[in-house]
């Protein structure tokens, strides 16, 4: 779970030095990449 978003369907994986943040879409059985950011940067806003 991504601490900034506090949603079960939004997850992250670290691929040093990046954070890959993605949305799990269970009904469609795929994921959507929401953001790829450098791990030193802060997320600017929460998703809609």
C-alpha atoms as a PDB file:
ATOM      1  CA  UNK A   1       0.000   0.000   0.000  1.00  0.00           C
ATOM      2  CA  UNK A   2       1.186   3.529  -0.753  1.00  0.00           C
ATOM      3  CA  UNK A   3       1.285   5.496   2.550  1.00  0.00           C
ATOM      4  CA  UNK A   4       0.362   8.805   0.882  1.00  0.00           C
ATOM      5  CA  UNK A   5      -2.811   7.392  -0.703  1.00  0.00           C
ATOM      6  CA  UNK A   6      -4.146   5.016   1.997  1.00  0.00           C
ATOM      7  CA  UNK A   7      -6.037   2.885  -0.533  1.00  0.00           C
ATOM      8  CA  UNK A   8      -5.891  -0.891  -0.799  1.00  0.00           C
ATOM      9  CA  UNK A   9      -6.073  -0.867  -4.601  1.00  0.00           C
ATOM     10  CA  UNK A  10      -3.054   1.419  -5.050  1.00  0.00           C
ATOM     11  CA  UNK A  11       0.310  -0.243  -4.552  1.00  0.00           C
ATOM     12  CA  UNK A  12       3.953   0.505  -5.195  1.00  0.00           C
ATOM     13  CA  UNK A  13       7.126  -1.294  -6.071  1.00  0.00           C
ATOM     14  CA  UNK A  14      10.632   0.073  -5.744  1.00  0.00           C
ATOM     15  CA  UNK A  15      13.055  -0.272  -8.633  1.00  0.00           C
ATOM     16  CA  UNK A  16      15.979   1.675  -7.243  1.00  0.00           C
ATOM     17  CA  UNK A  17      16.047   4.674  -7.495  1.00  0.00           C
ATOM     18  CA  UNK A  18      12.395   4.817  -8.627  1.00  0.00           C
ATOM     19  CA  UNK A  19       8.959   4.243  -7.112  1.00  0.00           C
ATOM     20  CA  UNK A  20       6.444   2.708  -9.477  1.00  0.00           C
ATOM     21  CA  UNK A  21       2.924   3.367  -8.256  1.00  0.00           C
ATOM     22  CA  UNK A  22       0.114   1.374  -9.788  1.00  0.00           C
ATOM     23  CA  UNK A  23      -3.620   0.781  -9.500  1.00  0.00           C
ATOM     24  CA  UNK A  24      -4.964  -2.772  -9.295  1.00  0.00           C
ATOM     25  CA  UNK A  25      -8.083  -3.224 -11.405  1.00  0.00           C
ATOM     26  CA  UNK A  26      -9.409  -6.597 -10.277  1.00  0.00           C
ATOM     27  CA  UNK A  27     -12.520  -6.686 -12.420  1.00  0.00           C
ATOM     28  CA  UNK A  28     -10.558  -5.999 -15.605  1.00  0.00           C
ATOM     29  CA  UNK A  29      -7.654  -8.195 -14.395  1.00  0.00           C
ATOM     30  CA  UNK A  30      -4.905  -5.695 -15.116  1.00  0.00           C
ATOM     31  CA  UNK A  31      -2.960  -2.881 -13.520  1.00  0.00           C
ATOM     32  CA  UNK A  32      -2.635   0.762 -14.496  1.00  0.00           C
ATOM     33  CA  UNK A  33       0.654   2.581 -13.905  1.00  0.00           C
ATOM     34  CA  UNK A  34      -0.145   5.836 -12.121  1.00  0.00           C
ATOM     35  CA  UNK A  35       3.329   7.234 -11.604  1.00  0.00           C
ATOM     36  CA  UNK A  36       7.035   6.544 -11.910  1.00  0.00           C
ATOM     37  CA  UNK A  37       8.979   8.940  -9.711  1.00  0.00           C
ATOM     38  CA  UNK A  38      12.410   9.187  -8.178  1.00  0.00           C
ATOM     39  CA  UNK A  39      12.254   7.813  -4.642  1.00  0.00           C
ATOM     40  CA  UNK A  40      13.666  11.054  -3.183  1.00  0.00           C
ATOM     41  CA  UNK A  41      10.674  13.089  -4.468  1.00  0.00           C
ATOM     42  CA  UNK A  42       7.385  13.571  -2.645  1.00  0.00           C
ATOM     43  CA  UNK A  43       4.033  12.788  -4.230  1.00  0.00           C
ATOM     44  CA  UNK A  44       2.274  16.057  -4.948  1.00  0.00           C
ATOM     45  CA  UNK A  45      -1.373  15.014  -4.760  1.00  0.00           C
ATOM     46  CA  UNK A  46      -3.731  12.151  -4.093  1.00  0.00           C
ATOM     47  CA  UNK A  47      -5.420  10.352  -7.003  1.00  0.00           C
ATOM     48  CA  UNK A  48      -9.067  11.033  -7.861  1.00  0.00           C
END
